[in-house]
């Protein structure tokens, strides 16, 4: 099974109190599943749902398994962490993070639970969802709050609710938040952030456009709320055959130029110097990591149709 450090493009939510959806989430093709204890679970069902999630995570599965617990300042957080954290999981998703201290508190509990279960220190990943005005403004503080933090995610639903923003199809009101999270993640040396959900389940074009904006801002993947969104997510956050081919041509042409003592060339009317080459190398490295070539990418596209 993949580990938390693996490249993750898609995080698919499943309500923890819905057994059929919990079972299906692990066979959806997503890179990671998030079993939800927060918004998707009524207060009256939170206690009974915790052991159900542990049982589900202990079964054989084809993807990473995370649990979204309730916020640190909620009356459910401590019991969530005590009940669900253990060697059966890959990570914890912490919602509504606004300050680094909240992360440090969660990280301390994770360390205690790892010790109690005889696990290696740092084995359980921690992902923070930033979804309020305060969280966005404190993004850099949050990103550097604890070494336990692997990546941040953006939650536009609560963010636009907090600010009373209009969340339209063009997503212009999300630009500032996306910029803050991508800058903070880069400065803190985190994995690329994960972009917000799209609530319109059957509007594929809207999902693809939203994911494309996230990718343009340096996000590495997207939160998904329905299995049909997974393949769309992978289409956007995986290099296309054309991108892979172009990147390889750039690397080959530049290597030949370097042998002749040149560090800047033109290829098909496109100026190339070291930053462009470094980006091409990143594309090829990502393609190799995903096991993609022209044929492999075609298979992904067929899946997405």
Protein backbone atom coordinates (compact mmCIF):
# COMPACT_ATOMS: atom_id res chain seq x y z
CA UNK A 1 0.00 0.00 0.00
CA UNK A 2 1.17 3.54 -0.72
CA UNK A 3 2.45 5.59 2.19
CA UNK A 4 1.58 9.20 3.14
CA UNK A 5 4.62 10.56 1.32
CA UNK A 6 3.36 9.18 -1.98
CA UNK A 7 2.18 11.51 -4.70
CA UNK A 8 -1.53 12.12 -4.14
CA UNK A 9 -3.78 13.83 -6.67
CA UNK A 10 -7.25 12.90 -5.42
CA UNK A 11 -8.72 12.82 -1.93
CA UNK A 12 -12.25 11.39 -2.04
CA UNK A 13 -14.61 12.01 0.88
CA UNK A 14 -17.07 9.43 2.19
CA UNK A 15 -19.47 10.02 5.09
CA UNK A 16 -18.34 7.80 7.93
CA UNK A 17 -21.87 6.82 8.93
CA UNK A 18 -22.82 5.52 5.48
CA UNK A 19 -21.45 1.91 5.28
CA UNK A 20 -22.02 1.47 1.55
CA UNK A 21 -20.19 4.69 0.65
CA UNK A 22 -17.37 3.84 3.05
CA UNK A 23 -16.95 0.48 1.34
CA UNK A 24 -17.07 1.96 -2.17
CA UNK A 25 -14.63 4.82 -1.52
CA UNK A 26 -11.68 2.43 -1.39
CA UNK A 27 -12.49 1.03 -4.84
CA UNK A 28 -13.11 4.37 -6.55
CA UNK A 29 -9.64 4.74 -8.03
CA UNK A 30 -8.83 7.70 -5.77
CA UNK A 31 -5.29 8.07 -4.47
CA UNK A 32 -6.63 8.62 -0.96
CA UNK A 33 -9.96 8.18 0.81
CA UNK A 34 -11.13 10.50 3.58
CA UNK A 35 -13.67 8.94 5.94
CA UNK A 36 -15.56 11.87 7.41
CA UNK A 37 -16.48 12.40 11.05
CA UNK A 38 -17.14 16.11 10.68
CA UNK A 39 -19.73 17.82 8.47
CA UNK A 40 -21.18 14.64 6.94
CA UNK A 41 -22.00 13.04 10.31
CA UNK A 42 -24.80 14.26 12.57
CA UNK A 43 -23.88 15.01 16.16
CA UNK A 44 -26.07 12.15 17.38
CA UNK A 45 -24.09 9.64 15.29
CA UNK A 46 -20.49 10.74 15.83
CA UNK A 47 -19.76 8.42 18.76
CA UNK A 48 -21.17 5.34 17.04
CA UNK A 49 -19.37 6.14 13.78
CA UNK A 50 -15.83 6.14 15.21
CA UNK A 51 -15.40 2.34 15.61
CA UNK A 52 -17.02 1.81 12.20
CA UNK A 53 -14.24 3.83 10.58
CA UNK A 54 -11.52 1.90 12.38
CA UNK A 55 -13.02 -1.40 11.21
CA UNK A 56 -13.15 -0.11 7.62
CA UNK A 57 -9.53 1.09 7.71
CA UNK A 58 -8.30 -2.26 9.01
CA UNK A 59 -9.52 -4.04 5.88
CA UNK A 60 -7.40 -4.51 2.78
CA UNK A 61 -7.62 -1.42 0.59
CA UNK A 62 -6.11 -0.10 -2.59
CA UNK A 63 -5.52 3.50 -1.52
CA UNK A 64 -4.45 5.64 1.39
CA UNK A 65 -6.93 5.94 4.24
CA UNK A 66 -7.48 9.20 6.14
CA UNK A 67 -10.07 10.33 8.69
CA UNK A 68 -11.37 13.87 8.89
CA UNK A 69 -11.91 14.47 12.58
CA UNK A 70 -13.85 17.34 14.07
CA UNK A 71 -12.14 20.73 14.67
CA UNK A 72 -9.75 21.12 17.57
CA UNK A 73 -12.08 23.52 19.39
CA UNK A 74 -15.11 21.23 19.06
CA UNK A 75 -16.34 18.99 21.91
CA UNK A 76 -15.71 15.92 19.71
CA UNK A 77 -12.06 16.37 18.80
CA UNK A 78 -10.37 14.68 21.76
CA UNK A 79 -12.62 11.62 21.60
CA UNK A 80 -12.22 11.45 17.81
CA UNK A 81 -8.44 11.31 18.13
CA UNK A 82 -8.51 8.80 20.95
CA UNK A 83 -10.87 6.49 19.11
CA UNK A 84 -9.68 6.53 15.49
CA UNK A 85 -5.91 7.08 15.53
CA UNK A 86 -3.82 3.94 15.13
CA UNK A 87 -1.68 1.84 12.77
CA UNK A 88 -4.71 1.11 10.57
CA UNK A 89 -4.73 4.67 9.17
CA UNK A 90 -2.42 6.73 6.97
CA UNK A 91 -3.39 10.18 8.10
CA UNK A 92 -5.66 12.62 9.88
CA UNK A 93 -7.39 15.54 8.18
CA UNK A 94 -7.87 18.50 10.52
CA UNK A 95 -10.60 20.94 9.43
CA UNK A 96 -11.03 24.67 10.03
CA UNK A 97 -7.41 25.28 10.97
CA UNK A 98 -6.81 28.94 11.76
CA UNK A 99 -3.65 28.90 13.91
CA UNK A 100 -0.49 26.84 14.17
CA UNK A 101 -1.23 26.02 17.80
CA UNK A 102 -4.20 23.92 16.70
CA UNK A 103 -1.87 21.84 14.53
CA UNK A 104 0.69 21.48 17.28
CA UNK A 105 -2.00 20.21 19.64
CA UNK A 106 -3.12 17.62 17.09
CA UNK A 107 0.50 16.64 16.39
CA UNK A 108 1.13 16.05 20.10
CA UNK A 109 -1.85 13.71 20.34
CA UNK A 110 -0.72 11.86 17.21
CA UNK A 111 2.73 11.38 18.74
CA UNK A 112 1.19 10.03 21.95
CA UNK A 113 -1.04 7.63 20.02
CA UNK A 114 1.87 6.43 17.89
CA UNK A 115 3.85 5.69 21.02
CA UNK A 116 0.91 3.90 22.63
CA UNK A 117 0.46 1.68 19.57
CA UNK A 118 4.18 1.01 19.13
CA UNK A 119 4.36 2.91 15.84
CA UNK A 120 7.34 4.75 14.39
CA UNK A 121 7.30 8.46 15.30
CA UNK A 122 5.81 10.57 12.54
CA UNK A 123 4.20 7.59 10.83
CA UNK A 124 0.73 9.20 10.65
CA UNK A 125 0.34 12.07 8.19
CA UNK A 126 -1.45 15.29 9.06
CA UNK A 127 -3.30 17.45 6.53
CA UNK A 128 -4.83 20.79 7.50
CA UNK A 129 -7.87 22.24 5.75
CA UNK A 130 -7.75 26.03 5.61
CA UNK A 131 -11.27 27.32 5.13
CA UNK A 132 -11.76 30.65 6.88
CA UNK A 133 -10.52 34.21 6.46
CA UNK A 134 -8.34 33.81 9.56
CA UNK A 135 -6.87 30.57 8.26
CA UNK A 136 -6.01 32.10 4.90
CA UNK A 137 -4.37 35.13 6.50
CA UNK A 138 -2.37 32.83 8.81
CA UNK A 139 -1.44 30.38 6.05
CA UNK A 140 2.32 30.86 6.45
CA UNK A 141 2.14 30.40 10.22
CA UNK A 142 0.05 27.27 9.75
CA UNK A 143 2.33 25.85 7.07
CA UNK A 144 5.32 26.09 9.38
CA UNK A 145 3.46 25.09 12.53
CA UNK A 146 4.70 21.51 12.88
CA UNK A 147 6.94 19.08 11.05
CA UNK A 148 4.04 16.63 11.18
CA UNK A 149 2.12 18.64 8.58
CA UNK A 150 2.47 17.15 5.11
CA UNK A 151 0.23 19.47 3.13
CA UNK A 152 -2.62 21.94 3.38
CA UNK A 153 -5.97 21.79 1.62
CA UNK A 154 -8.37 24.58 0.71
CA UNK A 155 -12.04 24.46 1.65
CA UNK A 156 -13.97 27.02 -0.38
CA UNK A 157 -17.39 26.16 1.01
CA UNK A 158 -16.72 27.37 4.54
CA UNK A 159 -14.36 30.07 3.25
CA UNK A 160 -17.04 31.72 1.11
CA UNK A 161 -19.56 31.25 3.92
CA UNK A 162 -17.22 32.95 6.39
CA UNK A 163 -16.74 35.97 4.13
CA UNK A 164 -20.21 35.94 2.55
CA UNK A 165 -18.52 35.69 -0.86
CA UNK A 166 -20.31 34.59 -4.01
CA UNK A 167 -18.79 31.31 -5.20
CA UNK A 168 -19.48 31.58 -8.91
CA UNK A 169 -18.36 29.37 -11.80
CA UNK A 170 -15.39 31.63 -12.54
CA UNK A 171 -14.16 31.27 -8.92
CA UNK A 172 -12.63 34.74 -8.97
CA UNK A 173 -13.32 35.12 -5.26
CA UNK A 174 -11.01 32.16 -4.54
CA UNK A 175 -7.93 33.66 -6.22
CA UNK A 176 -6.48 35.31 -3.13
CA UNK A 177 -6.85 32.21 -0.95
CA UNK A 178 -5.29 29.94 -3.56
CA UNK A 179 -2.33 32.31 -3.89
CA UNK A 180 -1.80 32.45 -0.14
CA UNK A 181 -1.86 28.68 0.27
CA UNK A 182 0.48 27.98 -2.64
CA UNK A 183 3.01 30.58 -1.46
CA UNK A 184 2.88 29.37 2.15
CA UNK A 185 3.25 25.72 1.13
CA UNK A 186 6.29 26.47 -1.02
CA UNK A 187 8.00 28.61 1.63
CA UNK A 188 7.44 25.97 4.33
CA UNK A 189 8.60 23.12 2.09
CA UNK A 190 5.29 21.28 2.21
CA UNK A 191 3.79 19.09 -0.48
CA UNK A 192 1.72 21.16 -2.97
CA UNK A 193 -1.65 22.11 -1.49
CA UNK A 194 -4.86 20.29 -2.37
CA UNK A 195 -7.61 22.31 -4.04
CA UNK A 196 -11.21 22.74 -2.94
CA UNK A 197 -14.17 20.54 -3.72
CA UNK A 198 -16.66 21.28 -6.49
CA UNK A 199 -20.21 20.89 -5.24
CA UNK A 200 -21.85 20.47 -8.66
CA UNK A 201 -21.38 16.70 -8.95
CA UNK A 202 -22.60 16.25 -12.51
CA UNK A 203 -21.05 19.37 -14.05
CA UNK A 204 -17.85 17.88 -15.44
CA UNK A 205 -16.80 21.03 -17.27
CA UNK A 206 -17.11 23.05 -14.09
CA UNK A 207 -14.98 20.52 -12.21
CA UNK A 208 -12.32 20.48 -14.93
CA UNK A 209 -12.21 24.28 -15.04
CA UNK A 210 -11.91 24.50 -11.26
CA UNK A 211 -9.19 21.85 -11.15
CA UNK A 212 -7.37 23.65 -13.96
CA UNK A 213 -7.32 26.84 -11.92
CA UNK A 214 -5.97 24.95 -8.94
CA UNK A 215 -3.25 23.39 -11.03
CA UNK A 216 -2.37 26.82 -12.48
CA UNK A 217 -1.79 28.02 -8.91
CA UNK A 218 0.55 25.15 -8.12
CA UNK A 219 -1.92 22.88 -6.34
CA UNK A 220 -1.09 19.20 -6.57
CA UNK A 221 -4.56 17.68 -6.45
CA UNK A 222 -8.17 18.17 -5.46
CA UNK A 223 -10.69 17.20 -2.83
CA UNK A 224 -13.49 15.16 -4.39
CA UNK A 225 -17.01 14.46 -3.12
CA UNK A 226 -18.15 11.89 -5.68
CA UNK A 227 -16.38 8.95 -7.35
CA UNK A 228 -17.11 10.34 -10.83
CA UNK A 229 -14.85 13.31 -10.02
CA UNK A 230 -11.77 11.15 -9.41
CA UNK A 231 -10.92 10.42 -13.03
CA UNK A 232 -11.51 14.07 -13.92
CA UNK A 233 -9.13 15.08 -11.14
CA UNK A 234 -6.45 12.70 -12.39
CA UNK A 235 -6.84 14.03 -15.92
CA UNK A 236 -6.00 17.56 -14.78
CA UNK A 237 -3.30 16.77 -12.23
CA UNK A 238 -1.39 14.31 -14.42
CA UNK A 239 0.83 15.40 -17.32
CA UNK A 240 -0.84 14.98 -20.70
CA UNK A 241 0.90 13.03 -23.49
CA UNK A 242 1.60 16.34 -25.21
CA UNK A 243 3.16 17.82 -22.07
CA UNK A 244 5.34 14.75 -21.57
CA UNK A 245 6.50 14.72 -25.18
CA UNK A 246 7.28 18.44 -25.17
CA UNK A 247 9.16 18.18 -21.89
CA UNK A 248 11.32 15.33 -23.21
CA UNK A 249 12.08 17.30 -26.38
CA UNK A 250 13.07 20.33 -24.31
CA UNK A 251 15.43 18.23 -22.20
CA UNK A 252 17.00 16.53 -25.21
CA UNK A 253 17.47 19.77 -27.14
CA UNK A 254 18.92 21.59 -24.15
CA UNK A 255 21.31 18.75 -23.34
CA UNK A 256 22.62 18.93 -26.92
CA UNK A 257 22.99 22.71 -26.64
CA UNK A 258 24.88 22.40 -23.35
CA UNK A 259 27.36 20.06 -24.98
CA UNK A 260 28.03 22.85 -27.46
CA UNK A 261 28.47 25.37 -24.65
CA UNK A 262 25.06 27.08 -24.90
CA UNK A 263 22.57 27.61 -22.06
CA UNK A 264 19.77 29.25 -24.02
CA UNK A 265 18.13 27.98 -27.19
CA UNK A 266 14.92 28.14 -29.21
CA UNK A 267 12.71 25.14 -29.84
CA UNK A 268 9.74 25.55 -32.16
CA UNK A 269 9.91 29.30 -31.64
CA UNK A 270 9.94 28.92 -27.85
CA UNK A 271 12.81 30.39 -25.80
CA UNK A 272 14.39 27.86 -23.45
CA UNK A 273 16.84 28.44 -20.61
CA UNK A 274 17.46 26.74 -17.28
CA UNK A 275 14.12 27.54 -15.55
CA UNK A 276 12.23 26.08 -18.52
CA UNK A 277 14.44 22.99 -18.46
CA UNK A 278 13.93 22.54 -14.73
CA UNK A 279 10.18 22.67 -15.26
CA UNK A 280 10.45 20.12 -18.07
CA UNK A 281 12.40 17.83 -15.76
CA UNK A 282 9.65 18.19 -13.18
CA UNK A 283 7.02 17.13 -15.73
CA UNK A 284 9.02 14.08 -16.77
CA UNK A 285 9.74 13.14 -13.16
CA UNK A 286 6.04 13.33 -12.34
CA UNK A 287 5.14 11.24 -15.38
CA UNK A 288 7.70 8.63 -14.36
CA UNK A 289 6.40 8.65 -10.79
CA UNK A 290 2.89 8.00 -12.05
CA UNK A 291 4.09 5.40 -14.54
CA UNK A 292 2.73 7.44 -17.44
CA UNK A 293 3.73 7.46 -21.08
CA UNK A 294 1.63 8.08 -24.17
CA UNK A 295 -0.18 4.77 -23.79
CA UNK A 296 -0.59 5.09 -20.03
CA UNK A 297 -2.07 8.57 -20.37
CA UNK A 298 -4.48 7.35 -23.04
CA UNK A 299 -5.72 4.75 -20.56
CA UNK A 300 -6.32 7.49 -18.02
CA UNK A 301 -8.31 9.49 -20.53
CA UNK A 302 -10.50 6.51 -21.36
CA UNK A 303 -11.19 6.04 -17.67
CA UNK A 304 -12.27 9.64 -17.39
CA UNK A 305 -14.79 9.43 -20.20
